[in-house]
Amino acid sequence: TRTLSKSGSTYSYNVKAKVSGVASAAQSSTFTIVGNNVNPSKASTTYKLLGIGRTHNLSFNSAAKKVTSTYKGKTTTSTMAQQAFDDLSLEAQIRQDLLNGKFSGNYYMAKKDKIEKTPFKRSGNTKITVPAGTFETVRVDRIHDDNSRSTSFWLAPSLDYLPVKVSQINDGKK
């Protein structure tokens, strides 16, 4: 389940996923949008598998060009040469770029101990049917170094490029 809400000028984007009794994931991101720029302020990701889990927290300070990451009790602060994102605020930035005809595919993501270039490509247009209906979509794929991974988003221009389908495959698991 993906939920995007707005309070004042601040957006909260939350994702919850669950495989009954086996695994769960929860992600949250808080950000603002100024012009075409998404400015994340904080993010959290928690994964649990068979009751054992980990949480990764990020705190962004765009004015100081710093991002602080906390994972397994270790805190790392990195300098952002250009704006870095968490998974969800990056999805919002890609949407903004598509809305404004400025999609480049060149983005940076804050990881546990570094900031990493994270390329995406626009993979064409297709019509898809999901429980919410049938939509013309733009497919955007994340380019992974690992061939056993793939991440794809189908974004509907008629819904201002909101995602209508997301697929992730990691080690053959979808």
N, C-alpha and C. Protein backbone atom coordinates (compact mmCIF):
# COMPACT_ATOMS: atom_id res chain seq x y z
N THR A 1 0.84 -1.17 0.00
CA THR A 1 0.00 0.00 0.00
C THR A 1 0.88 1.23 0.00
N ARG A 2 0.60 2.13 -0.93
CA ARG A 2 1.34 3.40 -1.01
C ARG A 2 0.38 4.53 -0.68
N THR A 3 0.81 5.45 0.19
CA THR A 3 -0.03 6.58 0.58
C THR A 3 0.80 7.86 0.50
N LEU A 4 0.29 8.85 -0.20
CA LEU A 4 0.92 10.17 -0.28
C LEU A 4 -0.05 11.18 0.31
N SER A 5 0.38 11.92 1.33
CA SER A 5 -0.47 12.93 1.94
C SER A 5 0.30 14.24 2.06
N LYS A 6 -0.44 15.33 2.22
CA LYS A 6 0.17 16.65 2.30
C LYS A 6 -0.41 17.40 3.49
N SER A 7 0.47 18.05 4.25
CA SER A 7 0.07 18.90 5.36
C SER A 7 0.84 20.21 5.22
N GLY A 8 0.14 21.29 4.90
CA GLY A 8 0.83 22.54 4.60
C GLY A 8 1.64 22.36 3.34
N SER A 9 2.95 22.60 3.43
CA SER A 9 3.82 22.42 2.25
C SER A 9 4.64 21.14 2.35
N THR A 10 4.35 20.29 3.34
CA THR A 10 5.13 19.08 3.56
C THR A 10 4.36 17.84 3.11
N TYR A 11 5.03 17.00 2.34
CA TYR A 11 4.45 15.74 1.88
C TYR A 11 4.98 14.60 2.73
N SER A 12 4.12 13.61 2.98
CA SER A 12 4.51 12.36 3.63
C SER A 12 4.14 11.22 2.69
N TYR A 13 5.12 10.42 2.34
CA TYR A 13 4.91 9.30 1.43
C TYR A 13 5.25 8.04 2.21
N ASN A 14 4.30 7.11 2.31
CA ASN A 14 4.47 5.89 3.09
C ASN A 14 4.15 4.67 2.26
N VAL A 15 4.96 3.64 2.43
CA VAL A 15 4.76 2.36 1.74
C VAL A 15 4.80 1.26 2.78
N LYS A 16 3.82 0.37 2.71
CA LYS A 16 3.78 -0.80 3.59
C LYS A 16 3.55 -2.03 2.73
N ALA A 17 4.35 -3.07 2.99
CA ALA A 17 4.22 -4.34 2.26
C ALA A 17 4.34 -5.48 3.26
N LYS A 18 3.61 -6.56 3.00
CA LYS A 18 3.61 -7.67 3.94
C LYS A 18 3.39 -8.98 3.21
N VAL A 19 4.17 -9.98 3.59
CA VAL A 19 3.95 -11.36 3.17
C VAL A 19 3.61 -12.08 4.47
N SER A 20 2.37 -12.46 4.61
CA SER A 20 1.82 -12.98 5.86
C SER A 20 2.74 -13.99 6.56
N GLY A 21 3.15 -13.61 7.79
CA GLY A 21 3.96 -14.50 8.61
C GLY A 21 5.40 -14.66 8.20
N VAL A 22 5.80 -14.04 7.08
CA VAL A 22 7.16 -14.25 6.57
C VAL A 22 7.99 -12.96 6.59
N ALA A 23 7.48 -11.92 5.97
CA ALA A 23 8.26 -10.70 5.82
C ALA A 23 7.37 -9.48 5.79
N SER A 24 7.97 -8.34 6.13
CA SER A 24 7.27 -7.06 6.01
C SER A 24 8.28 -5.97 5.71
N ALA A 25 7.78 -4.90 5.13
CA ALA A 25 8.61 -3.73 4.84
C ALA A 25 7.77 -2.49 5.07
N ALA A 26 8.40 -1.47 5.61
CA ALA A 26 7.74 -0.18 5.81
C ALA A 26 8.74 0.91 5.45
N GLN A 27 8.31 1.83 4.60
CA GLN A 27 9.15 2.96 4.21
C GLN A 27 8.35 4.23 4.42
N SER A 28 9.05 5.30 4.81
CA SER A 28 8.41 6.60 4.90
C SER A 28 9.41 7.66 4.46
N SER A 29 8.87 8.72 3.87
CA SER A 29 9.69 9.83 3.44
C SER A 29 8.90 11.12 3.65
N THR A 30 9.57 12.13 4.16
CA THR A 30 8.98 13.46 4.33
C THR A 30 9.78 14.43 3.48
N PHE A 31 9.07 15.24 2.68
CA PHE A 31 9.76 16.16 1.79
C PHE A 31 8.87 17.34 1.43
N THR A 32 9.47 18.37 0.86
CA THR A 32 8.75 19.51 0.29
C THR A 32 9.07 19.55 -1.20
N ILE A 33 8.27 20.28 -1.94
CA ILE A 33 8.53 20.50 -3.36
C ILE A 33 8.55 22.01 -3.58
N VAL A 34 9.69 22.51 -4.05
CA VAL A 34 9.85 23.93 -4.34
C VAL A 34 10.18 24.03 -5.82
N GLY A 35 9.27 24.63 -6.59
CA GLY A 35 9.44 24.65 -8.04
C GLY A 35 9.36 23.23 -8.55
N ASN A 36 10.41 22.76 -9.19
CA ASN A 36 10.48 21.40 -9.70
C ASN A 36 11.33 20.50 -8.80
N ASN A 37 11.82 21.05 -7.67
CA ASN A 37 12.79 20.32 -6.85
C ASN A 37 12.16 19.71 -5.60
N VAL A 38 12.35 18.41 -5.46
CA VAL A 38 11.93 17.70 -4.26
C VAL A 38 13.07 17.81 -3.26
N ASN A 39 12.74 18.28 -2.06
CA ASN A 39 13.74 18.44 -1.00
C ASN A 39 13.39 17.53 0.18
N PRO A 40 14.01 16.34 0.24
CA PRO A 40 13.71 15.43 1.35
C PRO A 40 14.23 15.99 2.66
N SER A 41 13.51 15.70 3.75
CA SER A 41 13.99 16.09 5.08
C SER A 41 14.33 14.86 5.92
N LYS A 42 13.50 13.80 5.83
CA LYS A 42 13.83 12.58 6.57
C LYS A 42 13.18 11.38 5.89
N ALA A 43 13.77 10.21 6.17
CA ALA A 43 13.26 8.97 5.59
C ALA A 43 13.61 7.82 6.52
N SER A 44 12.79 6.78 6.46
CA SER A 44 13.03 5.59 7.27
C SER A 44 12.61 4.36 6.49
N THR A 45 13.39 3.29 6.58
CA THR A 45 13.07 2.02 5.95
C THR A 45 13.28 0.91 6.98
N THR A 46 12.28 0.07 7.15
CA THR A 46 12.38 -1.07 8.05
C THR A 46 11.98 -2.33 7.29
N TYR A 47 12.85 -3.33 7.33
CA TYR A 47 12.58 -4.63 6.73
C TYR A 47 12.61 -5.69 7.82
N LYS A 48 11.68 -6.62 7.77
CA LYS A 48 11.68 -7.74 8.71
C LYS A 48 11.48 -9.02 7.92
N LEU A 49 12.27 -10.03 8.26
CA LEU A 49 12.16 -11.36 7.66
C LEU A 49 12.14 -12.37 8.79
N LEU A 50 11.07 -13.11 8.89
CA LEU A 50 10.90 -14.10 9.97
C LEU A 50 11.13 -13.47 11.34
N GLY A 51 10.59 -12.25 11.51
CA GLY A 51 10.66 -11.57 12.80
C GLY A 51 11.94 -10.82 13.10
N ILE A 52 12.95 -11.00 12.27
CA ILE A 52 14.23 -10.31 12.47
C ILE A 52 14.31 -9.17 11.47
N GLY A 53 14.66 -7.98 11.96
CA GLY A 53 14.65 -6.85 11.04
C GLY A 53 15.72 -5.81 11.30
N ARG A 54 15.75 -4.87 10.40
CA ARG A 54 16.68 -3.75 10.46
C ARG A 54 15.95 -2.48 10.04
N THR A 55 16.40 -1.36 10.63
CA THR A 55 15.86 -0.05 10.27
C THR A 55 17.00 0.85 9.82
N HIS A 56 16.76 1.59 8.76
CA HIS A 56 17.72 2.57 8.24
C HIS A 56 17.03 3.93 8.23
N ASN A 57 17.61 4.91 8.92
CA ASN A 57 17.05 6.26 8.97
C ASN A 57 17.98 7.23 8.27
N LEU A 58 17.37 8.18 7.56
CA LEU A 58 18.12 9.25 6.89
C LEU A 58 17.57 10.60 7.34
N SER A 59 18.47 11.55 7.50
CA SER A 59 18.09 12.93 7.82
C SER A 59 18.84 13.84 6.84
N PHE A 60 18.08 14.62 6.07
CA PHE A 60 18.66 15.47 5.03
C PHE A 60 18.72 16.92 5.50
N ASN A 61 19.82 17.60 5.20
CA ASN A 61 19.94 19.04 5.41
C ASN A 61 20.41 19.62 4.09
N SER A 62 19.42 19.96 3.24
CA SER A 62 19.75 20.43 1.88
C SER A 62 20.53 21.73 1.91
N ALA A 63 20.21 22.63 2.86
CA ALA A 63 20.92 23.91 2.94
C ALA A 63 22.41 23.70 3.22
N ALA A 64 22.73 22.77 4.10
CA ALA A 64 24.13 22.48 4.44
C ALA A 64 24.75 21.44 3.50
N LYS A 65 23.93 20.91 2.57
CA LYS A 65 24.37 19.88 1.62
C LYS A 65 24.92 18.64 2.34
N LYS A 66 24.18 18.20 3.38
CA LYS A 66 24.58 17.05 4.18
C LYS A 66 23.41 16.08 4.32
N VAL A 67 23.74 14.80 4.42
CA VAL A 67 22.75 13.78 4.75
C VAL A 67 23.37 12.87 5.81
N THR A 68 22.58 12.59 6.85
CA THR A 68 23.05 11.73 7.93
C THR A 68 22.27 10.43 7.88
N SER A 69 23.01 9.32 7.91
CA SER A 69 22.45 7.98 7.83
C SER A 69 22.73 7.24 9.14
N THR A 70 21.69 6.58 9.66
CA THR A 70 21.86 5.75 10.85
C THR A 70 21.38 4.35 10.54
N TYR A 71 22.29 3.37 10.71
CA TYR A 71 21.98 1.97 10.43
C TYR A 71 22.82 1.10 11.35
N LYS A 72 22.17 0.15 12.02
CA LYS A 72 22.83 -0.77 12.95
C LYS A 72 23.65 -0.01 14.00
N GLY A 73 23.10 1.11 14.48
CA GLY A 73 23.77 1.88 15.52
C GLY A 73 24.91 2.74 15.04
N LYS A 74 25.22 2.71 13.75
CA LYS A 74 26.32 3.51 13.20
C LYS A 74 25.74 4.70 12.45
N THR A 75 26.26 5.88 12.74
CA THR A 75 25.81 7.11 12.08
C THR A 75 26.92 7.64 11.19
N THR A 76 26.56 7.93 9.94
CA THR A 76 27.50 8.45 8.95
C THR A 76 26.91 9.72 8.33
N THR A 77 27.72 10.77 8.22
CA THR A 77 27.28 11.99 7.56
C THR A 77 28.06 12.15 6.27
N SER A 78 27.32 12.37 5.17
CA SER A 78 27.94 12.53 3.85
C SER A 78 27.60 13.90 3.30
N THR A 79 28.52 14.43 2.48
CA THR A 79 28.29 15.70 1.80
C THR A 79 27.65 15.42 0.45
N MET A 80 26.62 16.20 0.12
CA MET A 80 25.92 16.04 -1.16
C MET A 80 26.48 17.05 -2.16
N ALA A 81 27.17 16.56 -3.18
CA ALA A 81 27.65 17.44 -4.25
C ALA A 81 26.44 18.00 -5.00
N GLN A 82 25.41 17.18 -5.13
CA GLN A 82 24.11 17.63 -5.63
C GLN A 82 23.06 16.90 -4.82
N GLN A 83 21.80 17.32 -4.92
CA GLN A 83 20.76 16.77 -4.06
C GLN A 83 20.70 15.25 -4.16
N ALA A 84 20.71 14.59 -3.01
CA ALA A 84 20.53 13.14 -2.94
C ALA A 84 19.13 12.87 -2.38
N PHE A 85 18.64 11.66 -2.60
CA PHE A 85 17.28 11.29 -2.24
C PHE A 85 17.26 9.94 -1.54
N ASP A 86 16.16 9.67 -0.84
CA ASP A 86 15.84 8.32 -0.41
C ASP A 86 14.98 7.71 -1.52
N ASP A 87 14.61 6.43 -1.39
CA ASP A 87 13.83 5.76 -2.44
C ASP A 87 12.55 6.51 -2.81
N LEU A 88 11.80 6.93 -1.80
CA LEU A 88 10.48 7.51 -2.06
C LEU A 88 10.56 8.96 -2.55
N SER A 89 11.44 9.77 -1.97
CA SER A 89 11.56 11.15 -2.47
C SER A 89 12.14 11.15 -3.88
N LEU A 90 12.97 10.16 -4.21
CA LEU A 90 13.49 10.04 -5.58
C LEU A 90 12.34 9.74 -6.55
N GLU A 91 11.44 8.85 -6.13
CA GLU A 91 10.27 8.57 -6.97
C GLU A 91 9.48 9.86 -7.22
N ALA A 92 9.33 10.69 -6.19
CA ALA A 92 8.62 11.96 -6.35
C ALA A 92 9.38 12.91 -7.28
N GLN A 93 10.73 12.92 -7.20
CA GLN A 93 11.52 13.78 -8.08
C GLN A 93 11.41 13.33 -9.54
N ILE A 94 11.45 12.03 -9.76
CA ILE A 94 11.28 11.52 -11.13
C ILE A 94 9.91 11.94 -11.68
N ARG A 95 8.88 11.85 -10.85
CA ARG A 95 7.54 12.28 -11.25
C ARG A 95 7.55 13.77 -11.61
N GLN A 96 8.17 14.60 -10.79
CA GLN A 96 8.25 16.04 -11.07
C GLN A 96 8.98 16.28 -12.40
N ASP A 97 10.06 15.55 -12.61
CA ASP A 97 10.83 15.73 -13.84
C ASP A 97 10.02 15.31 -15.07
N LEU A 98 9.25 14.23 -14.97
CA LEU A 98 8.40 13.82 -16.08
C LEU A 98 7.30 14.85 -16.33
N LEU A 99 6.70 15.38 -15.27
CA LEU A 99 5.65 16.41 -15.41
C LEU A 99 6.17 17.64 -16.14
N ASN A 100 7.44 17.97 -15.90
CA ASN A 100 8.03 19.19 -16.46
C ASN A 100 8.92 18.94 -17.66
N GLY A 101 8.88 17.71 -18.22
CA GLY A 101 9.69 17.40 -19.40
C GLY A 101 11.18 17.48 -19.15
N LYS A 102 11.62 17.20 -17.92
CA LYS A 102 13.04 17.34 -17.56
C LYS A 102 13.67 16.03 -17.08
N PHE A 103 13.05 14.88 -17.40
CA PHE A 103 13.61 13.60 -16.96
C PHE A 103 14.96 13.38 -17.61
N SER A 104 15.99 13.18 -16.76
CA SER A 104 17.35 12.95 -17.27
C SER A 104 17.83 11.54 -17.01
N GLY A 105 17.28 10.90 -15.99
CA GLY A 105 17.74 9.57 -15.61
C GLY A 105 18.94 9.58 -14.69
N ASN A 106 19.50 10.75 -14.39
CA ASN A 106 20.69 10.87 -13.56
C ASN A 106 20.32 11.38 -12.17
N TYR A 107 20.37 10.50 -11.17
CA TYR A 107 19.96 10.85 -9.82
C TYR A 107 20.96 10.27 -8.82
N TYR A 108 20.90 10.77 -7.59
CA TYR A 108 21.78 10.31 -6.52
C TYR A 108 20.94 9.87 -5.32
N MET A 109 21.31 8.71 -4.75
CA MET A 109 20.59 8.20 -3.59
C MET A 109 21.52 8.09 -2.39
N ALA A 110 20.96 8.45 -1.23
CA ALA A 110 21.69 8.29 0.03
C ALA A 110 21.57 6.83 0.46
N LYS A 111 22.71 6.22 0.67
CA LYS A 111 22.78 4.83 1.12
C LYS A 111 23.21 4.80 2.58
N LYS A 112 23.51 3.62 3.09
CA LYS A 112 23.87 3.48 4.50
C LYS A 112 25.14 4.25 4.86
N ASP A 113 26.13 4.28 3.96
CA ASP A 113 27.40 4.93 4.30
C ASP A 113 27.97 5.79 3.17
N LYS A 114 27.13 6.11 2.17
CA LYS A 114 27.62 6.91 1.05
C LYS A 114 26.45 7.44 0.23
N ILE A 115 26.78 8.28 -0.72
CA ILE A 115 25.82 8.75 -1.71
C ILE A 115 26.23 8.12 -3.03
N GLU A 116 25.27 7.51 -3.70
CA GLU A 116 25.57 6.71 -4.88
C GLU A 116 24.76 7.19 -6.09
N LYS A 117 25.44 7.31 -7.24
CA LYS A 117 24.74 7.63 -8.48
C LYS A 117 23.79 6.48 -8.80
N THR A 118 22.55 6.80 -9.10
CA THR A 118 21.52 5.80 -9.34
C THR A 118 20.82 6.11 -10.66
N PRO A 119 21.24 5.47 -11.75
CA PRO A 119 20.65 5.80 -13.06
C PRO A 119 19.30 5.12 -13.30
N PHE A 120 18.45 5.82 -14.04
CA PHE A 120 17.16 5.31 -14.48
C PHE A 120 17.05 5.54 -15.98
N LYS A 121 16.17 4.77 -16.63
CA LYS A 121 15.92 5.02 -18.05
C LYS A 121 14.42 4.94 -18.31
N ARG A 122 14.01 5.73 -19.25
CA ARG A 122 12.62 5.70 -19.70
C ARG A 122 12.54 4.58 -20.72
N SER A 123 11.68 3.58 -20.44
CA SER A 123 11.65 2.36 -21.28
C SER A 123 10.44 2.28 -22.19
N GLY A 124 9.81 3.39 -22.45
CA GLY A 124 8.71 3.38 -23.40
C GLY A 124 7.35 3.54 -22.77
N ASN A 125 6.34 3.52 -23.64
CA ASN A 125 4.96 3.70 -23.23
C ASN A 125 4.20 2.40 -23.46
N THR A 126 3.25 2.11 -22.57
CA THR A 126 2.44 0.91 -22.72
C THR A 126 1.11 1.10 -22.00
N LYS A 127 0.10 0.39 -22.44
CA LYS A 127 -1.19 0.40 -21.77
C LYS A 127 -1.23 -0.80 -20.83
N ILE A 128 -1.56 -0.55 -19.55
CA ILE A 128 -1.66 -1.65 -18.60
C ILE A 128 -2.99 -1.57 -17.85
N THR A 129 -3.43 -2.75 -17.39
CA THR A 129 -4.64 -2.83 -16.60
C THR A 129 -4.28 -3.29 -15.20
N VAL A 130 -4.73 -2.53 -14.22
CA VAL A 130 -4.53 -2.83 -12.79
C VAL A 130 -5.90 -2.75 -12.13
N PRO A 131 -6.05 -3.16 -10.88
CA PRO A 131 -7.37 -3.10 -10.24
C PRO A 131 -8.05 -1.73 -10.31
N ALA A 132 -7.27 -0.65 -10.37
CA ALA A 132 -7.85 0.70 -10.44
C ALA A 132 -8.35 1.06 -11.84
N GLY A 133 -8.02 0.25 -12.87
CA GLY A 133 -8.46 0.54 -14.23
C GLY A 133 -7.36 0.29 -15.25
N THR A 134 -7.61 0.78 -16.47
CA THR A 134 -6.65 0.66 -17.57
C THR A 134 -6.05 2.04 -17.84
N PHE A 135 -4.72 2.07 -17.94
CA PHE A 135 -4.03 3.35 -18.08
C PHE A 135 -2.96 3.27 -19.16
N GLU A 136 -2.80 4.35 -19.90
CA GLU A 136 -1.60 4.55 -20.72
C GLU A 136 -0.51 4.93 -19.73
N THR A 137 0.66 4.31 -19.83
CA THR A 137 1.72 4.56 -18.87
C THR A 137 3.06 4.79 -19.54
N VAL A 138 3.94 5.42 -18.79
CA VAL A 138 5.35 5.55 -19.13
C VAL A 138 6.08 4.61 -18.17
N ARG A 139 6.89 3.72 -18.73
CA ARG A 139 7.66 2.79 -17.89
C ARG A 139 9.05 3.39 -17.65
N VAL A 140 9.44 3.42 -16.37
CA VAL A 140 10.77 3.88 -15.98
C VAL A 140 11.44 2.74 -15.23
N ASP A 141 12.66 2.38 -15.66
CA ASP A 141 13.41 1.28 -15.05
C ASP A 141 14.65 1.83 -14.36
N ARG A 142 14.92 1.29 -13.18
CA ARG A 142 16.18 1.58 -12.51
C ARG A 142 17.24 0.67 -13.11
N ILE A 143 18.39 1.22 -13.40
CA ILE A 143 19.49 0.44 -13.96
C ILE A 143 20.34 -0.05 -12.80
N HIS A 144 20.33 -1.37 -12.57
CA HIS A 144 21.10 -1.99 -11.49
C HIS A 144 22.41 -2.55 -12.02
N ASP A 145 23.45 -2.55 -11.18
CA ASP A 145 24.71 -3.20 -11.54
C ASP A 145 24.56 -4.72 -11.50
N ASP A 146 23.66 -5.20 -10.66
CA ASP A 146 23.42 -6.62 -10.44
C ASP A 146 22.30 -7.10 -11.37
N ASN A 147 22.61 -8.00 -12.30
CA ASN A 147 21.63 -8.47 -13.28
C ASN A 147 20.49 -9.27 -12.66
N SER A 148 20.63 -9.72 -11.40
CA SER A 148 19.56 -10.49 -10.77
C SER A 148 18.51 -9.56 -10.14
N ARG A 149 18.71 -8.25 -10.29
CA ARG A 149 17.77 -7.27 -9.74
C ARG A 149 17.13 -6.46 -10.86
N SER A 150 15.87 -6.12 -10.67
CA SER A 150 15.22 -5.17 -11.58
C SER A 150 14.14 -4.42 -10.81
N THR A 151 13.98 -3.16 -11.15
CA THR A 151 12.96 -2.31 -10.55
C THR A 151 12.32 -1.51 -11.67
N SER A 152 10.99 -1.58 -11.76
CA SER A 152 10.26 -0.87 -12.80
C SER A 152 9.06 -0.16 -12.21
N PHE A 153 8.77 1.03 -12.75
CA PHE A 153 7.61 1.82 -12.36
C PHE A 153 6.79 2.11 -13.62
N TRP A 154 5.48 1.96 -13.54
CA TRP A 154 4.59 2.35 -14.62
C TRP A 154 3.82 3.57 -14.12
N LEU A 155 4.07 4.70 -14.74
CA LEU A 155 3.52 5.98 -14.30
C LEU A 155 2.49 6.47 -15.31
N ALA A 156 1.33 6.89 -14.80
CA ALA A 156 0.22 7.29 -15.68
C ALA A 156 0.22 8.80 -15.90
N PRO A 157 0.50 9.27 -17.14
CA PRO A 157 0.44 10.70 -17.42
C PRO A 157 -0.94 11.30 -17.10
N SER A 158 -2.02 10.53 -17.29
CA SER A 158 -3.36 11.05 -17.01
C SER A 158 -3.58 11.30 -15.52
N LEU A 159 -2.72 10.73 -14.67
CA LEU A 159 -2.79 10.93 -13.22
C LEU A 159 -1.58 11.75 -12.75
N ASP A 160 -1.07 12.62 -13.63
CA ASP A 160 0.13 13.42 -13.34
C ASP A 160 1.32 12.54 -12.94
N TYR A 161 1.45 11.42 -13.64
CA TYR A 161 2.58 10.49 -13.48
C TYR A 161 2.63 9.81 -12.11
N LEU A 162 1.49 9.61 -11.50
CA LEU A 162 1.46 8.79 -10.29
C LEU A 162 1.69 7.34 -10.68
N PRO A 163 2.35 6.55 -9.82
CA PRO A 163 2.59 5.15 -10.16
C PRO A 163 1.29 4.34 -10.07
N VAL A 164 1.04 3.52 -11.08
CA VAL A 164 -0.10 2.61 -11.04
C VAL A 164 0.38 1.17 -10.88
N LYS A 165 1.68 0.96 -11.09
CA LYS A 165 2.27 -0.36 -10.89
C LYS A 165 3.75 -0.19 -10.58
N VAL A 166 4.24 -1.01 -9.63
CA VAL A 166 5.65 -1.03 -9.29
C VAL A 166 6.05 -2.50 -9.20
N SER A 167 7.19 -2.84 -9.78
CA SER A 167 7.66 -4.22 -9.73
C SER A 167 9.13 -4.22 -9.33
N GLN A 168 9.47 -5.11 -8.40
CA GLN A 168 10.87 -5.26 -8.02
C GLN A 168 11.20 -6.74 -7.95
N ILE A 169 12.29 -7.11 -8.56
CA ILE A 169 12.78 -8.49 -8.53
C ILE A 169 14.19 -8.46 -7.96
N ASN A 170 14.42 -9.30 -6.95
CA ASN A 170 15.73 -9.39 -6.32
C ASN A 170 16.02 -10.87 -6.09
N ASP A 171 17.08 -11.36 -6.71
CA ASP A 171 17.44 -12.78 -6.63
C ASP A 171 16.27 -13.68 -7.02
N GLY A 172 15.54 -13.30 -8.06
CA GLY A 172 14.45 -14.10 -8.57
C GLY A 172 13.14 -13.98 -7.80
N LYS A 173 13.12 -13.22 -6.73
CA LYS A 173 11.91 -13.02 -5.93
C LYS A 173 11.24 -11.72 -6.29
N LYS A 174 9.95 -11.79 -6.66
CA LYS A 174 9.22 -10.60 -7.09
C LYS A 174 8.41 -10.03 -5.94
